Amino acid sequence: MPIPSRSPRGSPEDHRSREGFDVAILDVNVAGTRVWSVAHALLRRHVPFLFLSACGRQLQRPDGMQGAPLLDKPVAIDELECALVGLTLPAARSGEPD
């Protein structure tokens, strides 16, 4: 179940009751605010995620988040689909080879 969001404000933990999603797509900059706190909450919950950004590949991500895929906006649907499939594969999630 997708979690619609217009703003990263508030605690990411506020969404605890909304279980049931497999992956998350995070736009790095929402209304001028970086989404690092949401990404940290997802890391703690072991929810795989990817970042979307118009900043390009040179975007500096916080420690522990360099492994999350980063896609440039606008993103081609086939590139997004590939990244999402990669996040949902058991080998990709465990860090083990295929």
N, C-alpha and C. Protein backbone atom coordinates (compact mmCIF):
# COMPACT_ATOMS: atom_id res chain seq x y z
N MET A 1 0.84 -1.17 0.00
CA MET A 1 0.00 0.00 0.00
C MET A 1 0.89 1.24 0.00
N PRO A 2 0.76 2.11 -0.99
CA PRO A 2 1.59 3.31 -1.02
C PRO A 2 1.22 4.28 0.09
N ILE A 3 2.22 5.00 0.56
CA ILE A 3 1.98 6.03 1.56
C ILE A 3 2.14 7.37 0.87
N PRO A 4 1.01 8.02 0.58
CA PRO A 4 1.13 9.33 -0.07
C PRO A 4 1.71 10.34 0.89
N SER A 5 2.54 11.22 0.38
CA SER A 5 3.14 12.24 1.22
C SER A 5 3.33 13.51 0.44
N ARG A 6 2.96 14.59 1.03
CA ARG A 6 3.17 15.91 0.44
C ARG A 6 4.31 16.62 1.13
N SER A 7 4.71 16.12 2.28
CA SER A 7 5.74 16.79 3.07
C SER A 7 6.46 15.79 3.95
N PRO A 8 7.77 15.95 4.14
CA PRO A 8 8.50 15.06 5.04
C PRO A 8 8.39 15.51 6.50
N ARG A 9 7.65 16.59 6.75
CA ARG A 9 7.54 17.12 8.12
C ARG A 9 6.87 16.11 9.04
N GLY A 10 7.16 16.23 10.30
CA GLY A 10 6.63 15.28 11.26
C GLY A 10 7.57 14.10 11.35
N SER A 11 7.36 13.29 12.32
CA SER A 11 8.21 12.15 12.55
C SER A 11 7.93 11.04 11.55
N PRO A 12 8.98 10.45 10.98
CA PRO A 12 8.76 9.30 10.10
C PRO A 12 8.08 8.16 10.85
N GLU A 13 8.27 8.14 12.16
CA GLU A 13 7.64 7.10 12.97
C GLU A 13 6.13 7.25 13.02
N ASP A 14 5.60 8.41 12.62
CA ASP A 14 4.15 8.61 12.57
C ASP A 14 3.48 7.63 11.62
N HIS A 15 4.25 7.06 10.71
CA HIS A 15 3.69 6.16 9.71
C HIS A 15 3.75 4.70 10.13
N ARG A 16 4.09 4.43 11.38
CA ARG A 16 4.21 3.05 11.86
C ARG A 16 2.96 2.23 11.63
N SER A 17 1.80 2.85 11.78
CA SER A 17 0.56 2.11 11.65
C SER A 17 0.25 1.75 10.21
N ARG A 18 0.97 2.31 9.27
CA ARG A 18 0.73 2.05 7.85
C ARG A 18 1.71 1.01 7.34
N GLU A 19 1.59 -0.19 7.85
CA GLU A 19 2.47 -1.28 7.43
C GLU A 19 2.00 -1.83 6.08
N GLY A 20 2.84 -2.66 5.49
CA GLY A 20 2.41 -3.39 4.33
C GLY A 20 3.01 -2.96 3.01
N PHE A 21 3.96 -2.04 3.01
CA PHE A 21 4.59 -1.70 1.73
C PHE A 21 5.94 -2.40 1.64
N ASP A 22 6.32 -2.73 0.40
CA ASP A 22 7.53 -3.51 0.18
C ASP A 22 8.76 -2.66 -0.06
N VAL A 23 8.60 -1.53 -0.72
CA VAL A 23 9.69 -0.63 -1.05
C VAL A 23 9.19 0.80 -0.96
N ALA A 24 10.12 1.74 -0.96
CA ALA A 24 9.75 3.15 -0.94
C ALA A 24 10.56 3.90 -1.99
N ILE A 25 9.93 4.89 -2.58
CA ILE A 25 10.58 5.80 -3.52
C ILE A 25 10.59 7.16 -2.85
N LEU A 26 11.78 7.70 -2.62
CA LEU A 26 11.91 8.97 -1.92
C LEU A 26 12.47 10.04 -2.84
N ASP A 27 11.70 11.10 -3.02
CA ASP A 27 12.22 12.28 -3.69
C ASP A 27 13.10 12.97 -2.67
N VAL A 28 14.35 13.20 -3.00
CA VAL A 28 15.33 13.72 -2.05
C VAL A 28 14.91 15.07 -1.47
N ASN A 29 14.32 15.91 -2.28
CA ASN A 29 13.98 17.26 -1.84
C ASN A 29 12.47 17.47 -1.97
N VAL A 30 11.79 17.53 -0.83
CA VAL A 30 10.34 17.74 -0.82
C VAL A 30 10.07 19.09 -0.17
N ALA A 31 9.57 20.00 -0.97
CA ALA A 31 9.24 21.34 -0.47
C ALA A 31 10.44 22.00 0.21
N GLY A 32 11.63 21.79 -0.35
CA GLY A 32 12.83 22.41 0.19
C GLY A 32 13.45 21.69 1.37
N THR A 33 12.93 20.54 1.74
CA THR A 33 13.44 19.78 2.88
C THR A 33 13.95 18.43 2.41
N ARG A 34 15.15 18.06 2.84
CA ARG A 34 15.72 16.75 2.51
C ARG A 34 14.99 15.66 3.28
N VAL A 35 14.93 14.47 2.72
CA VAL A 35 14.15 13.37 3.32
C VAL A 35 15.02 12.37 4.08
N TRP A 36 16.16 12.81 4.55
CA TRP A 36 17.08 11.88 5.22
C TRP A 36 16.45 11.21 6.43
N SER A 37 15.64 11.93 7.19
CA SER A 37 15.04 11.32 8.39
C SER A 37 14.09 10.19 8.01
N VAL A 38 13.39 10.33 6.91
CA VAL A 38 12.51 9.26 6.43
C VAL A 38 13.36 8.07 5.99
N ALA A 39 14.45 8.33 5.28
CA ALA A 39 15.34 7.25 4.84
C ALA A 39 15.93 6.51 6.04
N HIS A 40 16.32 7.25 7.08
CA HIS A 40 16.86 6.59 8.29
C HIS A 40 15.80 5.70 8.92
N ALA A 41 14.55 6.16 8.97
CA ALA A 41 13.47 5.34 9.53
C ALA A 41 13.27 4.07 8.71
N LEU A 42 13.36 4.18 7.39
CA LEU A 42 13.21 3.01 6.54
C LEU A 42 14.38 2.03 6.75
N LEU A 43 15.58 2.55 6.91
CA LEU A 43 16.73 1.69 7.19
C LEU A 43 16.51 0.90 8.48
N ARG A 44 16.03 1.59 9.52
CA ARG A 44 15.78 0.91 10.80
C ARG A 44 14.73 -0.18 10.65
N ARG A 45 13.76 0.03 9.76
CA ARG A 45 12.69 -0.94 9.56
C ARG A 45 13.03 -1.98 8.49
N HIS A 46 14.22 -1.88 7.91
CA HIS A 46 14.68 -2.81 6.87
C HIS A 46 13.77 -2.78 5.64
N VAL A 47 13.30 -1.59 5.31
CA VAL A 47 12.48 -1.40 4.10
C VAL A 47 13.41 -0.86 3.01
N PRO A 48 13.55 -1.59 1.91
CA PRO A 48 14.41 -1.09 0.83
C PRO A 48 13.79 0.15 0.18
N PHE A 49 14.67 1.05 -0.26
CA PHE A 49 14.19 2.29 -0.87
C PHE A 49 15.17 2.77 -1.91
N LEU A 50 14.68 3.68 -2.74
CA LEU A 50 15.55 4.35 -3.70
C LEU A 50 15.26 5.83 -3.64
N PHE A 51 16.23 6.60 -4.09
CA PHE A 51 16.10 8.05 -4.13
C PHE A 51 15.87 8.53 -5.56
N LEU A 52 15.06 9.55 -5.70
CA LEU A 52 14.92 10.30 -6.95
C LEU A 52 15.44 11.70 -6.68
N SER A 53 16.19 12.25 -7.64
CA SER A 53 16.73 13.59 -7.43
C SER A 53 16.99 14.28 -8.76
N ALA A 54 16.75 15.57 -8.77
CA ALA A 54 17.10 16.39 -9.93
C ALA A 54 18.52 16.93 -9.78
N CYS A 55 19.18 16.62 -8.66
CA CYS A 55 20.53 17.11 -8.38
C CYS A 55 21.60 16.35 -9.14
N GLY A 56 21.25 15.22 -9.69
CA GLY A 56 22.23 14.43 -10.42
C GLY A 56 22.98 13.47 -9.51
N ARG A 57 23.84 12.71 -10.11
CA ARG A 57 24.58 11.66 -9.40
C ARG A 57 25.59 12.21 -8.39
N GLN A 58 25.90 13.48 -8.45
CA GLN A 58 26.87 14.05 -7.52
C GLN A 58 26.26 14.34 -6.14
N LEU A 59 24.99 14.06 -5.95
CA LEU A 59 24.32 14.29 -4.67
C LEU A 59 25.06 13.58 -3.54
N GLN A 60 25.37 14.31 -2.49
CA GLN A 60 26.02 13.74 -1.31
C GLN A 60 24.95 13.19 -0.38
N ARG A 61 25.00 11.88 -0.18
CA ARG A 61 24.04 11.23 0.72
C ARG A 61 24.69 10.97 2.07
N PRO A 62 23.89 10.98 3.13
CA PRO A 62 24.44 10.71 4.47
C PRO A 62 25.03 9.30 4.57
N ASP A 63 25.87 9.12 5.58
CA ASP A 63 26.47 7.81 5.85
C ASP A 63 25.39 6.74 5.94
N GLY A 64 25.69 5.59 5.37
CA GLY A 64 24.77 4.47 5.42
C GLY A 64 23.76 4.45 4.28
N MET A 65 23.73 5.50 3.48
CA MET A 65 22.73 5.58 2.40
C MET A 65 23.35 5.56 1.01
N GLN A 66 24.66 5.41 0.94
CA GLN A 66 25.32 5.41 -0.36
C GLN A 66 24.93 4.20 -1.20
N GLY A 67 24.50 3.13 -0.57
CA GLY A 67 24.10 1.93 -1.29
C GLY A 67 22.71 1.98 -1.88
N ALA A 68 21.90 2.93 -1.44
CA ALA A 68 20.54 3.04 -1.99
C ALA A 68 20.61 3.58 -3.41
N PRO A 69 19.86 2.99 -4.32
CA PRO A 69 19.88 3.49 -5.69
C PRO A 69 19.47 4.96 -5.75
N LEU A 70 20.10 5.68 -6.67
CA LEU A 70 19.78 7.09 -6.90
C LEU A 70 19.48 7.26 -8.38
N LEU A 71 18.26 7.64 -8.69
CA LEU A 71 17.84 7.85 -10.07
C LEU A 71 17.66 9.33 -10.32
N ASP A 72 18.09 9.76 -11.50
CA ASP A 72 17.95 11.16 -11.89
C ASP A 72 16.54 11.44 -12.40
N LYS A 73 16.00 12.58 -12.00
CA LYS A 73 14.71 13.02 -12.54
C LYS A 73 14.97 13.91 -13.75
N PRO A 74 14.15 13.81 -14.76
CA PRO A 74 13.04 12.85 -14.89
C PRO A 74 13.60 11.45 -15.16
N VAL A 75 12.91 10.47 -14.61
CA VAL A 75 13.36 9.08 -14.74
C VAL A 75 12.51 8.36 -15.78
N ALA A 76 13.17 7.56 -16.58
CA ALA A 76 12.46 6.74 -17.56
C ALA A 76 11.77 5.60 -16.81
N ILE A 77 10.57 5.27 -17.24
CA ILE A 77 9.79 4.25 -16.55
C ILE A 77 10.51 2.90 -16.52
N ASP A 78 11.24 2.55 -17.59
CA ASP A 78 11.95 1.27 -17.58
C ASP A 78 13.10 1.27 -16.59
N GLU A 79 13.75 2.41 -16.40
CA GLU A 79 14.82 2.52 -15.41
C GLU A 79 14.25 2.39 -13.99
N LEU A 80 13.11 3.03 -13.75
CA LEU A 80 12.45 2.94 -12.44
C LEU A 80 12.01 1.50 -12.18
N GLU A 81 11.41 0.89 -13.18
CA GLU A 81 10.96 -0.50 -13.03
C GLU A 81 12.13 -1.42 -12.70
N CYS A 82 13.22 -1.27 -13.41
CA CYS A 82 14.42 -2.09 -13.16
C CYS A 82 14.92 -1.90 -11.72
N ALA A 83 14.98 -0.66 -11.28
CA ALA A 83 15.46 -0.37 -9.92
C ALA A 83 14.52 -0.98 -8.88
N LEU A 84 13.22 -0.89 -9.10
CA LEU A 84 12.25 -1.46 -8.15
C LEU A 84 12.35 -2.97 -8.10
N VAL A 85 12.49 -3.60 -9.26
CA VAL A 85 12.66 -5.06 -9.29
C VAL A 85 13.93 -5.44 -8.53
N GLY A 86 15.00 -4.69 -8.74
CA GLY A 86 16.25 -4.95 -8.03
C GLY A 86 16.09 -4.86 -6.52
N LEU A 87 15.27 -3.93 -6.07
CA LEU A 87 15.06 -3.78 -4.62
C LEU A 87 14.25 -4.93 -4.03
N THR A 88 13.42 -5.56 -4.84
CA THR A 88 12.54 -6.60 -4.32
C THR A 88 13.11 -8.01 -4.43
N LEU A 89 14.21 -8.17 -5.17
CA LEU A 89 14.82 -9.50 -5.29
C LEU A 89 15.48 -9.89 -3.99
N PRO A 90 15.25 -11.10 -3.52
CA PRO A 90 15.88 -11.52 -2.25
C PRO A 90 17.39 -11.35 -2.21
N ALA A 91 18.07 -11.66 -3.29
CA ALA A 91 19.54 -11.52 -3.31
C ALA A 91 19.95 -10.07 -3.17
N ALA A 92 19.21 -9.17 -3.79
CA ALA A 92 19.53 -7.75 -3.71
C ALA A 92 19.31 -7.24 -2.30
N ARG A 93 18.28 -7.72 -1.64
CA ARG A 93 17.96 -7.25 -0.29
C ARG A 93 18.95 -7.79 0.73
N SER A 94 19.49 -8.98 0.51
CA SER A 94 20.41 -9.56 1.49
C SER A 94 21.86 -9.24 1.20
N GLY A 95 22.12 -8.69 -0.01
CA GLY A 95 23.48 -8.36 -0.37
C GLY A 95 24.25 -9.56 -0.90
N GLU A 96 23.57 -10.68 -1.11
CA GLU A 96 24.22 -11.88 -1.61
C GLU A 96 24.16 -11.92 -3.12
N PRO A 97 25.12 -12.56 -3.77
CA PRO A 97 25.07 -12.69 -5.23
C PRO A 97 23.92 -13.60 -5.65
N ASP A 98 23.48 -13.45 -6.90
CA ASP A 98 22.39 -14.28 -7.44
C ASP A 98 22.73 -15.74 -7.42
